[in-house]
PDB file of N, CA and C in Angstrom:
ATOM      1  N   MET A   1       0.577  -1.364  -0.042  1.00  0.00           N
ATOM      2  CA  MET A   1      -0.215   0.255  -0.191  1.00  0.00           C
ATOM      3  C   MET A   1       0.581   1.176   0.128  1.00  0.00           C
ATOM      4  N   ALA A   2       1.708   1.364   0.617  1.00  0.00           N
ATOM      5  CA  ALA A   2       3.033   2.355   1.030  1.00  0.00           C
ATOM      6  C   ALA A   2       4.024   3.123  -0.445  1.00  0.00           C
ATOM      7  N   ARG A   3       3.893   1.654  -1.467  1.00  0.00           N
ATOM      8  CA  ARG A   3       4.017   2.062  -2.164  1.00  0.00           C
ATOM      9  C   ARG A   3       3.227   2.569  -3.488  1.00  0.00           C
ATOM     10  N   VAL A   4       2.608   2.567  -3.415  1.00  0.00           N
ATOM     11  CA  VAL A   4       1.256   2.953  -4.541  1.00  0.00           C
ATOM     12  C   VAL A   4       0.521   4.417  -4.151  1.00  0.00           C
ATOM     13  N   LEU A   5       0.956   4.490  -2.924  1.00  0.00           N
ATOM     14  CA  LEU A   5       0.696   6.087  -2.626  1.00  0.00           C
ATOM     15  C   LEU A   5       1.583   7.000  -2.723  1.00  0.00           C
ATOM     16  N   ARG A   6       1.271   8.488  -3.303  1.00  0.00           N
ATOM     17  CA  ARG A   6       2.227   9.359  -3.311  1.00  0.00           C
ATOM     18  C   ARG A   6       2.411   9.853  -1.985  1.00  0.00           C
ATOM     19  N   PRO A   7       3.692  10.891  -2.079  1.00  0.00           N
ATOM     20  CA  PRO A   7       3.843  10.939  -0.874  1.00  0.00           C
ATOM     21  C   PRO A   7       3.068  12.201   0.082  1.00  0.00           C
ATOM     22  N   GLY A   8       2.738  11.540   1.132  1.00  0.00           N
ATOM     23  CA  GLY A   8       2.072  12.368   2.264  1.00  0.00           C
ATOM     24  C   GLY A   8       0.527  11.654   1.959  1.00  0.00           C
ATOM     25  N   GLY A   9       0.502  10.870   1.288  1.00  0.00           N
ATOM     26  CA  GLY A   9      -0.970  10.111   0.730  1.00  0.00           C
ATOM     27  C   GLY A   9      -1.450   9.323   2.560  1.00  0.00           C
ATOM     28  N   ARG A  10      -2.413   8.633   2.302  1.00  0.00           N
ATOM     29  CA  ARG A  10      -2.769   8.195   3.740  1.00  0.00           C
ATOM     30  C   ARG A  10      -3.997   6.859   3.281  1.00  0.00           C
ATOM     31  N   PHE A  11      -3.531   5.987   3.803  1.00  0.00           N
ATOM     32  CA  PHE A  11      -4.244   4.523   3.589  1.00  0.00           C
ATOM     33  C   PHE A  11      -5.429   4.895   4.886  1.00  0.00           C
ATOM     34  N   VAL A  12      -6.858   4.132   4.738  1.00  0.00           N
ATOM     35  CA  VAL A  12      -7.665   3.968   5.488  1.00  0.00           C
ATOM     36  C   VAL A  12      -8.703   2.678   5.685  1.00  0.00           C
ATOM     37  N   GLY A  13      -8.271   2.255   6.413  1.00  0.00           N
ATOM     38  CA  GLY A  13      -8.904   0.732   6.352  1.00  0.00           C
ATOM     39  C   GLY A  13     -10.075   0.077   7.587  1.00  0.00           C
ATOM     40  N   CYS A  14     -11.212  -0.669   7.373  1.00  0.00           N
ATOM     41  CA  CYS A  14     -11.634  -1.307   8.778  1.00  0.00           C
ATOM     42  C   CYS A  14     -11.456  -2.266   8.538  1.00  0.00           C
ATOM     43  N   TYR A  15     -10.858  -3.020  10.205  1.00  0.00           N
ATOM     44  CA  TYR A  15     -10.315  -4.189  10.181  1.00  0.00           C
ATOM     45  C   TYR A  15     -11.207  -4.910  11.470  1.00  0.00           C
ATOM     46  N   ASN A  16     -11.533  -6.005  11.249  1.00  0.00           N
ATOM     47  CA  ASN A  16     -11.776  -7.038  12.896  1.00  0.00           C
ATOM     48  C   ASN A  16     -10.871  -6.925  13.635  1.00  0.00           C
ATOM     49  N   ALA A  17     -10.872  -7.564  14.695  1.00  0.00           N
ATOM     50  CA  ALA A  17     -10.124  -7.725  16.142  1.00  0.00           C
ATOM     51  C   ALA A  17     -10.513  -9.034  16.337  1.00  0.00           C
ATOM     52  N   PRO A  18      -9.578  -9.985  16.746  1.00  0.00           N
ATOM     53  CA  PRO A  18      -9.827 -11.339  17.212  1.00  0.00           C
ATOM     54  C   PRO A  18     -10.643 -11.157  18.161  1.00  0.00           C
ATOM     55  N   GLY A  19     -11.816 -11.846  17.735  1.00  0.00           N
ATOM     56  CA  GLY A  19     -12.976 -12.098  19.408  1.00  0.00           C
ATOM     57  C   GLY A  19     -13.943 -11.366  18.675  1.00  0.00           C
ATOM     58  N   HIS A  20     -13.866 -11.055  17.430  1.00  0.00           N
ATOM     59  CA  HIS A  20     -15.129 -10.346  16.566  1.00  0.00           C
ATOM     60  C   HIS A  20     -16.277 -11.195  16.396  1.00  0.00           C
ATOM     61  N   LEU A  21     -17.609 -10.593  16.773  1.00  0.00           N
ATOM     62  CA  LEU A  21     -18.677 -11.179  16.914  1.00  0.00           C
ATOM     63  C   LEU A  21     -18.563 -12.604  17.598  1.00  0.00           C
ATOM     64  N   ALA A  22     -17.769 -12.856  18.798  1.00  0.00           N
ATOM     65  CA  ALA A  22     -17.408 -14.310  19.269  1.00  0.00           C
ATOM     66  C   ALA A  22     -19.017 -15.122  19.726  1.00  0.00           C
ATOM     67  N   GLU A  23     -19.713 -14.307  20.242  1.00  0.00           N
ATOM     68  CA  GLU A  23     -21.329 -14.917  20.279  1.00  0.00           C
ATOM     69  C   GLU A  23     -21.523 -15.720  19.489  1.00  0.00           C
ATOM     70  N   VAL A  24     -21.732 -14.922  18.271  1.00  0.00           N
ATOM     71  CA  VAL A  24     -22.190 -15.779  16.742  1.00  0.00           C
ATOM     72  C   VAL A  24     -21.646 -17.233  16.786  1.00  0.00           C
ATOM     73  N   TRP A  25     -20.447 -17.638  16.274  1.00  0.00           N
ATOM     74  CA  TRP A  25     -19.752 -17.960  16.012  1.00  0.00           C
ATOM     75  C   TRP A  25     -19.692 -19.300  17.554  1.00  0.00           C
ATOM     76  N   ALA A  26     -19.420 -18.908  18.318  1.00  0.00           N
ATOM     77  CA  ALA A  26     -20.072 -20.121  19.965  1.00  0.00           C
ATOM     78  C   ALA A  26     -21.438 -20.576  19.609  1.00  0.00           C
ATOM     79  N   ALA A  27     -21.714 -19.414  18.849  1.00  0.00           N
ATOM     80  CA  ALA A  27     -23.778 -20.519  19.190  1.00  0.00           C
ATOM     81  C   ALA A  27     -23.844 -21.126  18.155  1.00  0.00           C
ATOM     82  N   VAL A  28     -22.538 -20.978  16.932  1.00  0.00           N
ATOM     83  CA  VAL A  28     -23.060 -21.818  15.849  1.00  0.00           C
ATOM     84  C   VAL A  28     -21.938 -23.305  15.584  1.00  0.00           C
ATOM     85  N   GLY A  29     -20.809 -22.906  16.986  1.00  0.00           N
ATOM     86  CA  GLY A  29     -19.790 -24.263  16.666  1.00  0.00           C
ATOM     87  C   GLY A  29     -18.645 -23.736  15.793  1.00  0.00           C
ATOM     88  N   VAL A  30     -18.576 -22.491  16.056  1.00  0.00           N
ATOM     89  CA  VAL A  30     -17.487 -22.490  14.559  1.00  0.00           C
ATOM     90  C   VAL A  30     -15.807 -21.772  15.565  1.00  0.00           C
ATOM     91  N   ARG A  31     -15.002 -22.168  14.988  1.00  0.00           N
ATOM     92  CA  ARG A  31     -14.010 -21.551  15.521  1.00  0.00           C
ATOM     93  C   ARG A  31     -13.626 -20.838  14.194  1.00  0.00           C
ATOM     94  N   PRO A  32     -14.141 -19.143  14.351  1.00  0.00           N
ATOM     95  CA  PRO A  32     -13.653 -18.682  13.358  1.00  0.00           C
ATOM     96  C   PRO A  32     -12.284 -18.559  12.947  1.00  0.00           C
ATOM     97  N   ARG A  33     -12.096 -18.196  11.661  1.00  0.00           N
ATOM     98  CA  ARG A  33     -10.864 -18.393  11.325  1.00  0.00           C
ATOM     99  C   ARG A  33      -9.732 -16.967  12.099  1.00  0.00           C
ATOM    100  N   THR A  34      -8.450 -17.122  11.916  1.00  0.00           N
ATOM    101  CA  THR A  34      -7.712 -16.085  12.195  1.00  0.00           C
ATOM    102  C   THR A  34      -7.381 -15.239  11.176  1.00  0.00           C
ATOM    103  N   ASP A  35      -6.713 -13.897  10.904  1.00  0.00           N
ATOM    104  CA  ASP A  35      -6.471 -13.300   9.977  1.00  0.00           C
ATOM    105  C   ASP A  35      -5.139 -12.882  10.532  1.00  0.00           C
ATOM    106  N   ASP A  36      -4.141 -12.936   9.635  1.00  0.00           N
ATOM    107  CA  ASP A  36      -2.591 -12.408   9.242  1.00  0.00           C
ATOM    108  C   ASP A  36      -2.348 -10.551   9.678  1.00  0.00           C
ATOM    109  N   PHE A  37      -3.645 -10.330   9.451  1.00  0.00           N
ATOM    110  CA  PHE A  37      -3.613  -8.950   9.879  1.00  0.00           C
ATOM    111  C   PHE A  37      -5.051  -8.427  10.080  1.00  0.00           C
ATOM    112  N   ASN A  38      -5.041  -7.431  11.425  1.00  0.00           N
ATOM    113  CA  ASN A  38      -6.454  -7.128  12.156  1.00  0.00           C
ATOM    114  C   ASN A  38      -5.983  -6.214  12.614  1.00  0.00           C
ATOM    115  N   SER A  39      -7.117  -5.575  13.639  1.00  0.00           N
ATOM    116  CA  SER A  39      -7.052  -4.258  14.087  1.00  0.00           C
ATOM    117  C   SER A  39      -6.446  -3.926  15.110  1.00  0.00           C
ATOM    118  N   ASP A  40      -5.673  -5.613  15.853  1.00  0.00           N
ATOM    119  CA  ASP A  40      -4.554  -5.227  16.849  1.00  0.00           C
ATOM    120  C   ASP A  40      -3.530  -5.717  16.370  1.00  0.00           C
ATOM    121  N   ASN A  41      -2.965  -5.938  15.346  1.00  0.00           N
ATOM    122  CA  ASN A  41      -1.625  -6.508  15.107  1.00  0.00           C
ATOM    123  C   ASN A  41      -1.270  -5.390  13.839  1.00  0.00           C
ATOM    124  N   GLY A  42      -2.242  -4.659  13.095  1.00  0.00           N
ATOM    125  CA  GLY A  42      -1.925  -4.161  11.979  1.00  0.00           C
ATOM    126  C   GLY A  42      -1.475  -2.544  12.342  1.00  0.00           C
ATOM    127  N   PRO A  43      -1.654  -2.216  13.168  1.00  0.00           N
ATOM    128  CA  PRO A  43      -0.862  -1.123  13.100  1.00  0.00           C
ATOM    129  C   PRO A  43       0.520  -0.728  13.285  1.00  0.00           C
ATOM    130  N   ASP A  44       1.180  -2.189  14.234  1.00  0.00           N
ATOM    131  CA  ASP A  44       2.457  -2.810  14.264  1.00  0.00           C
ATOM    132  C   ASP A  44       3.274  -2.786  12.706  1.00  0.00           C
ATOM    133  N   GLN A  45       2.139  -3.330  12.017  1.00  0.00           N
ATOM    134  CA  GLN A  45       2.298  -3.927  10.548  1.00  0.00           C
ATOM    135  C   GLN A  45       2.586  -2.746   9.481  1.00  0.00           C
ATOM    136  N   LEU A  46       1.840  -1.893   9.429  1.00  0.00           N
ATOM    137  CA  LEU A  46       1.833  -0.322   9.214  1.00  0.00           C
ATOM    138  C   LEU A  46       2.823   0.213   9.416  1.00  0.00           C
ATOM    139  N   ALA A  47       3.656   0.258  10.479  1.00  0.00           N
ATOM    140  CA  ALA A  47       4.326   1.119  11.027  1.00  0.00           C
ATOM    141  C   ALA A  47       5.606   0.999  10.765  1.00  0.00           C
ATOM    142  N   ALA A  48       6.056  -0.209   9.634  1.00  0.00           N
ATOM    143  CA  ALA A  48       7.096  -0.828   9.265  1.00  0.00           C
ATOM    144  C   ALA A  48       7.172   0.240   7.957  1.00  0.00           C
ATOM    145  N   CYS A  49       6.122   0.645   7.474  1.00  0.00           N
ATOM    146  CA  CYS A  49       6.132   1.558   6.251  1.00  0.00           C
ATOM    147  C   CYS A  49       4.992   2.510   6.055  1.00  0.00           C
ATOM    148  N   PHE A  50       5.012   3.254   7.317  1.00  0.00           N
ATOM    149  CA  PHE A  50       4.201   4.897   6.794  1.00  0.00           C
ATOM    150  C   PHE A  50       4.595   5.358   8.084  1.00  0.00           C
ATOM    151  N   ALA A  51       4.822   6.840   8.103  1.00  0.00           N
ATOM    152  CA  ALA A  51       5.579   7.740   9.004  1.00  0.00           C
ATOM    153  C   ALA A  51       4.440   7.883  10.027  1.00  0.00           C
ATOM    154  N   ALA A  52       3.033   7.510  10.274  1.00  0.00           N
ATOM    155  CA  ALA A  52       1.943   7.828  11.310  1.00  0.00           C
ATOM    156  C   ALA A  52       1.404   6.639  11.225  1.00  0.00           C
ATOM    157  N   VAL A  53       0.931   6.278  11.996  1.00  0.00           N
ATOM    158  CA  VAL A  53      -0.591   5.559  12.081  1.00  0.00           C
ATOM    159  C   VAL A  53      -1.492   5.234  13.377  1.00  0.00           C
ATOM    160  N   ARG A  54      -2.610   5.597  13.034  1.00  0.00           N
ATOM    161  CA  ARG A  54      -3.890   5.446  14.216  1.00  0.00           C
ATOM    162  C   ARG A  54      -4.449   4.241  14.147  1.00  0.00           C
ATOM    163  N   ALA A  55      -5.118   4.250  15.152  1.00  0.00           N
ATOM    164  CA  ALA A  55      -6.118   2.908  15.270  1.00  0.00           C
ATOM    165  C   ALA A  55      -7.108   3.601  16.433  1.00  0.00           C
ATOM    166  N   ILE A  56      -8.458   3.972  15.366  1.00  0.00           N
ATOM    167  CA  ILE A  56      -9.162   4.561  15.642  1.00  0.00           C
ATOM    168  C   ILE A  56     -10.308   3.532  16.424  1.00  0.00           C
ATOM    169  N   PRO A  57     -10.751   2.845  17.737  1.00  0.00           N
ATOM    170  CA  PRO A  57     -11.544   1.842  17.826  1.00  0.00           C
ATOM    171  C   PRO A  57     -12.866   2.109  17.381  1.00  0.00           C
ATOM    172  N   ALA A  58     -14.140   1.066  17.196  1.00  0.00           N
ATOM    173  CA  ALA A  58     -14.617   0.952  16.795  1.00  0.00           C
ATOM    174  C   ALA A  58     -15.529   0.182  17.302  1.00  0.00           C
ATOM    175  N   HIS A  59     -15.596  -0.418  18.273  1.00  0.00           N
ATOM    176  CA  HIS A  59     -16.562  -1.701  18.793  1.00  0.00           C
ATOM    177  C   HIS A  59     -18.163  -1.120  18.894  1.00  0.00           C
ATOM    178  N   GLY A  60     -18.789  -1.856  19.837  1.00  0.00           N
ATOM    179  CA  GLY A  60     -20.404  -1.799  19.841  1.00  0.00           C
ATOM    180  C   GLY A  60     -20.897  -2.964  19.934  1.00  0.00           C
ATOM    181  N   GLU A  61     -22.344  -3.028  19.421  1.00  0.00           N
ATOM    182  CA  GLU A  61     -22.931  -4.440  19.175  1.00  0.00           C
ATOM    183  C   GLU A  61     -23.534  -4.656  17.568  1.00  0.00           C
ATOM    184  N   ALA A  62     -23.582  -5.745  17.466  1.00  0.00           N
ATOM    185  CA  ALA A  62     -24.524  -6.073  16.265  1.00  0.00           C
ATOM    186  C   ALA A  62     -25.181  -7.044  16.231  1.00  0.00           C
ATOM    187  N   LEU A  63     -27.035  -6.763  16.033  1.00  0.00           N
ATOM    188  CA  LEU A  63     -27.904  -7.051  16.645  1.00  0.00           C
ATOM    189  C   LEU A  63     -28.840  -8.096  15.300  1.00  0.00           C
ATOM    190  N   TRP A  64     -29.224  -8.779  15.544  1.00  0.00           N
ATOM    191  CA  TRP A  64     -30.297  -9.602  14.728  1.00  0.00           C
ATOM    192  C   TRP A  64     -31.650  -9.683  15.675  1.00  0.00           C
ATOM    193  N   GLU A  65     -32.449  -9.003  15.200  1.00  0.00           N
ATOM    194  CA  GLU A  65     -34.061  -9.306  15.475  1.00  0.00           C
ATOM    195  C   GLU A  65     -34.566 -10.776  15.144  1.00  0.00           C
ATOM    196  N   THR A  66     -33.979 -11.782  14.471  1.00  0.00           N
ATOM    197  CA  THR A  66     -35.217 -12.362  14.294  1.00  0.00           C
ATOM    198  C   THR A  66     -33.915 -13.770  13.625  1.00  0.00           C
ATOM    199  N   ARG A  67     -34.691 -14.642  13.817  1.00  0.00           N
ATOM    200  CA  ARG A  67     -33.861 -16.001  13.516  1.00  0.00           C
ATOM    201  C   ARG A  67     -33.020 -15.997  11.993  1.00  0.00           C
ATOM    202  N   GLU A  68     -34.207 -15.794  11.180  1.00  0.00           N
ATOM    203  CA  GLU A  68     -33.730 -15.763   9.532  1.00  0.00           C
ATOM    204  C   GLU A  68     -32.686 -14.294   9.157  1.00  0.00           C
ATOM    205  N   SER A  69     -32.898 -13.270  10.158  1.00  0.00           N
ATOM    206  CA  SER A  69     -31.688 -11.961   9.748  1.00  0.00           C
ATOM    207  C   SER A  69     -30.878 -12.868  10.033  1.00  0.00           C
ATOM    208  N   LEU A  70     -30.353 -13.458  11.010  1.00  0.00           N
ATOM    209  CA  LEU A  70     -28.725 -14.031  11.517  1.00  0.00           C
ATOM    210  C   LEU A  70     -28.861 -15.090  10.756  1.00  0.00           C
ATOM    211  N   GLN A  71     -29.276 -15.920   9.676  1.00  0.00           N
ATOM    212  CA  GLN A  71     -29.233 -17.066   9.401  1.00  0.00           C
ATOM    213  C   GLN A  71     -29.119 -16.264   7.868  1.00  0.00           C
ATOM    214  N   THR A  72     -29.386 -15.529   7.601  1.00  0.00           N
ATOM    215  CA  THR A  72     -29.208 -14.737   6.194  1.00  0.00           C
ATOM    216  C   THR A  72     -27.253 -14.376   6.155  1.00  0.00           C
ATOM    217  N   TYR A  73     -26.969 -13.559   7.511  1.00  0.00           N
ATOM    218  CA  TYR A  73     -25.633 -13.309   7.574  1.00  0.00           C
ATOM    219  C   TYR A  73     -25.152 -14.724   7.641  1.00  0.00           C
ATOM    220  N   LEU A  74     -25.438 -16.147   8.647  1.00  0.00           N
ATOM    221  CA  LEU A  74     -24.498 -17.177   8.603  1.00  0.00           C
ATOM    222  C   LEU A  74     -24.012 -17.313   6.788  1.00  0.00           C
ATOM    223  N   ASP A  75     -25.165 -17.395   6.702  1.00  0.00           N
ATOM    224  CA  ASP A  75     -25.212 -17.680   4.876  1.00  0.00           C
ATOM    225  C   ASP A  75     -23.851 -17.357   3.948  1.00  0.00           C
ATOM    226  N   ALA A  76     -23.871 -16.296   4.131  1.00  0.00           N
ATOM    227  CA  ALA A  76     -22.719 -15.462   3.649  1.00  0.00           C
ATOM    228  C   ALA A  76     -21.298 -16.122   3.819  1.00  0.00           C
ATOM    229  N   TYR A  77     -20.970 -16.984   5.298  1.00  0.00           N
ATOM    230  CA  TYR A  77     -20.145 -17.549   5.497  1.00  0.00           C
ATOM    231  C   TYR A  77     -20.070 -19.141   4.549  1.00  0.00           C
ATOM    232  N   ARG A  78     -21.028 -19.306   4.013  1.00  0.00           N
ATOM    233  CA  ARG A  78     -20.812 -20.885   3.653  1.00  0.00           C
ATOM    234  C   ARG A  78     -19.564 -21.493   2.631  1.00  0.00           C
ATOM    235  N   GLU A  79     -19.130 -20.509   2.390  1.00  0.00           N
ATOM    236  CA  GLU A  79     -18.143 -21.457   1.725  1.00  0.00           C
ATOM    237  C   GLU A  79     -16.881 -21.584   2.583  1.00  0.00           C
ATOM    238  N   PHE A  80     -16.454 -20.381   3.737  1.00  0.00           N
ATOM    239  CA  PHE A  80     -15.677 -21.130   4.344  1.00  0.00           C
ATOM    240  C   PHE A  80     -15.670 -22.055   5.557  1.00  0.00           C
ATOM    241  N   TYR A  81     -16.981 -22.127   6.197  1.00  0.00           N
ATOM    242  CA  TYR A  81     -17.336 -23.006   7.100  1.00  0.00           C
ATOM    243  C   TYR A  81     -18.662 -23.988   6.592  1.00  0.00           C
ATOM    244  N   GLY A  82     -18.816 -24.125   5.572  1.00  0.00           N
ATOM    245  CA  GLY A  82     -19.948 -24.736   5.236  1.00  0.00           C
ATOM    246  C   GLY A  82     -21.209 -24.486   5.765  1.00  0.00           C
ATOM    247  N   PRO A  83     -22.303 -25.199   5.693  1.00  0.00           N
ATOM    248  CA  PRO A  83     -23.679 -24.511   6.323  1.00  0.00           C
ATOM    249  C   PRO A  83     -23.575 -24.684   7.710  1.00  0.00           C
ATOM    250  N   LEU A  84     -24.467 -23.262   7.752  1.00  0.00           N
ATOM    251  CA  LEU A  84     -24.375 -23.294   9.813  1.00  0.00           C
ATOM    252  C   LEU A  84     -25.806 -22.998  10.021  1.00  0.00           C
ATOM    253  N   THR A  85     -26.368 -22.955  11.045  1.00  0.00           N
ATOM    254  CA  THR A  85     -27.755 -22.936  11.330  1.00  0.00           C
ATOM    255  C   THR A  85     -27.972 -22.278  12.699  1.00  0.00           C
ATOM    256  N   ALA A  86     -28.323 -20.946  12.245  1.00  0.00           N
ATOM    257  CA  ALA A  86     -28.936 -19.861  13.688  1.00  0.00           C
ATOM    258  C   ALA A  86     -29.734 -20.671  14.460  1.00  0.00           C
ATOM    259  N   PRO A  87     -29.276 -20.426  15.899  1.00  0.00           N
ATOM    260  CA  PRO A  87     -29.707 -20.889  17.124  1.00  0.00           C
ATOM    261  C   PRO A  87     -31.117 -20.404  16.753  1.00  0.00           C
ATOM    262  N   HIS A  88     -32.101 -21.526  17.515  1.00  0.00           N
ATOM    263  CA  HIS A  88     -33.683 -21.389  17.739  1.00  0.00           C
ATOM    264  C   HIS A  88     -34.162 -20.632  17.825  1.00  0.00           C
ATOM    265  N   ASP A  89     -33.633 -19.917  19.327  1.00  0.00           N
ATOM    266  CA  ASP A  89     -33.931 -19.281  20.062  1.00  0.00           C
ATOM    267  C   ASP A  89     -32.732 -18.020  20.652  1.00  0.00           C
ATOM    268  N   SER A  90     -33.035 -16.709  22.051  1.00  0.00           N
ATOM    269  CA  SER A  90     -32.216 -16.087  22.201  1.00  0.00           C
ATOM    270  C   SER A  90     -32.835 -14.441  21.233  1.00  0.00           C
ATOM    271  N   TYR A  91     -33.585 -14.464  20.893  1.00  0.00           N
ATOM    272  CA  TYR A  91     -33.829 -13.208  19.730  1.00  0.00           C
ATOM    273  C   TYR A  91     -34.213 -11.976  20.665  1.00  0.00           C
ATOM    274  N   PRO A  92     -34.079 -11.036  20.358  1.00  0.00           N
ATOM    275  CA  PRO A  92     -33.227 -10.528  19.510  1.00  0.00           C
ATOM    276  C   PRO A  92     -31.731 -10.989  19.738  1.00  0.00           C
ATOM    277  N   PHE A  93     -30.988 -11.520  18.825  1.00  0.00           N
ATOM    278  CA  PHE A  93     -29.488 -12.078  19.184  1.00  0.00           C
ATOM    279  C   PHE A  93     -28.633 -11.419  19.178  1.00  0.00           C
ATOM    280  N   ILE A  94     -27.592 -10.684  20.266  1.00  0.00           N
ATOM    281  CA  ILE A  94     -26.527  -9.550  20.366  1.00  0.00           C
ATOM    282  C   ILE A  94     -25.117 -10.164  20.322  1.00  0.00           C
ATOM    283  N   ALA A  95     -24.681  -9.905  19.478  1.00  0.00           N
ATOM    284  CA  ALA A  95     -23.063  -9.887  18.929  1.00  0.00           C
ATOM    285  C   ALA A  95     -21.938  -8.866  19.702  1.00  0.00           C
ATOM    286  N   THR A  96     -20.990  -8.765  20.359  1.00  0.00           N
ATOM    287  CA  THR A  96     -20.085  -7.919  20.563  1.00  0.00           C
ATOM    288  C   THR A  96     -19.152  -7.530  19.007  1.00  0.00           C
ATOM    289  N   ARG A  97     -18.952  -6.323  18.882  1.00  0.00           N
ATOM    290  CA  ARG A  97     -18.011  -6.114  17.468  1.00  0.00           C
ATOM    291  C   ARG A  97     -17.188  -5.442  18.721  1.00  0.00           C
ATOM    292  N   ARG A  98     -15.835  -6.036  17.511  1.00  0.00           N
ATOM    293  CA  ARG A  98     -14.536  -5.566  17.776  1.00  0.00           C
ATOM    294  C   ARG A  98     -13.798  -5.005  16.422  1.00  0.00           C
ATOM    295  N   ASN A  99     -13.842  -4.224  16.096  1.00  0.00           N
ATOM    296  CA  ASN A  99     -13.329  -3.394  15.150  1.00  0.00           C
ATOM    297  C   ASN A  99     -12.820  -2.202  15.218  1.00  0.00           C
ATOM    298  N   ALA A 100     -11.651  -1.573  14.137  1.00  0.00           N
ATOM    299  CA  ALA A 100     -11.392  -0.444  14.527  1.00  0.00           C
ATOM    300  C   ALA A 100     -11.046  -0.008  12.707  1.00  0.00           C
ATOM    301  N   VAL A 101     -10.660   1.696  13.056  1.00  0.00           N
ATOM    302  CA  VAL A 101     -10.471   1.962  12.058  1.00  0.00           C
ATOM    303  C   VAL A 101      -8.840   2.420  11.966  1.00  0.00           C
ATOM    304  N   LEU A 102      -8.093   2.215  10.944  1.00  0.00           N
ATOM    305  CA  LEU A 102      -6.898   2.146  10.944  1.00  0.00           C
ATOM    306  C   LEU A 102      -6.613   3.626   9.933  1.00  0.00           C
ATOM    307  N   VAL A 103      -5.862   4.598   9.843  1.00  0.00           N
ATOM    308  CA  VAL A 103      -5.140   5.012   9.117  1.00  0.00           C
ATOM    309  C   VAL A 103      -3.712   5.352   9.256  1.00  0.00           C
ATOM    310  N   ALA A 104      -3.072   5.389   8.329  1.00  0.00           N
ATOM    311  CA  ALA A 104      -1.399   5.392   7.954  1.00  0.00           C
ATOM    312  C   ALA A 104      -1.195   6.257   7.194  1.00  0.00           C
ATOM    313  N   GLU A 105      -0.456   7.130   7.350  1.00  0.00           N
ATOM    314  CA  GLU A 105      -0.517   8.339   6.451  1.00  0.00           C
ATOM    315  C   GLU A 105       1.391   8.225   5.923  1.00  0.00           C
ATOM    316  N   LYS A 106       1.559   8.215   4.900  1.00  0.00           N
ATOM    317  CA  LYS A 106       2.809   8.514   4.373  1.00  0.00           C
ATOM    318  C   LYS A 106       3.966   9.376   4.135  1.00  0.00           C
ATOM    319  N   SER A 107       5.062   9.467   4.590  1.00  0.00           N
ATOM    320  CA  SER A 107       5.727  10.745   5.214  1.00  0.00           C
ATOM    321  C   SER A 107       5.810  11.437   3.248  1.00  0.00           C
ATOM    322  N   LEU A 108       5.890  12.628   3.752  1.00  0.00           N
ATOM    323  CA  LEU A 108       6.315  13.429   2.520  1.00  0.00           C
ATOM    324  C   LEU A 108       7.139  13.676   1.771  1.00  0.00           C
ATOM    325  N   GLY A 109       8.024  12.666   2.432  1.00  0.00           N
ATOM    326  CA  GLY A 109       9.906  12.935   1.802  1.00  0.00           C
ATOM    327  C   GLY A 109       9.686  11.137   1.134  1.00  0.00           C
ATOM    328  N   LEU A 110       9.120  10.193   1.078  1.00  0.00           N
ATOM    329  CA  LEU A 110       8.762   9.009   0.582  1.00  0.00           C
ATOM    330  C   LEU A 110       8.364   9.060  -0.583  1.00  0.00           C
TER     331      LEU A 110
END
């Protein structure tokens, strides 16, 4: 990313942290994949190539009001985990979001 940005350019991206939506994955019995680059380790990796890096936490909650809405969300992960089935009770279903917006600025001299 740093290579293609002009001097003074800025990279902005939103990334999940480990434990993102852990309640969902626990409810369906899946251990989510871990990312090599995430909101926890990303700032250190970006700091190797950028002059300034900030991580802006964006934690909160995700809510699915019905089983059908959670099932629609889970269906998007079919290629990663195979078919997943939303729990039949506990609605609205609330899970903890763990995200951050990463902002990395390229030096004017690079």
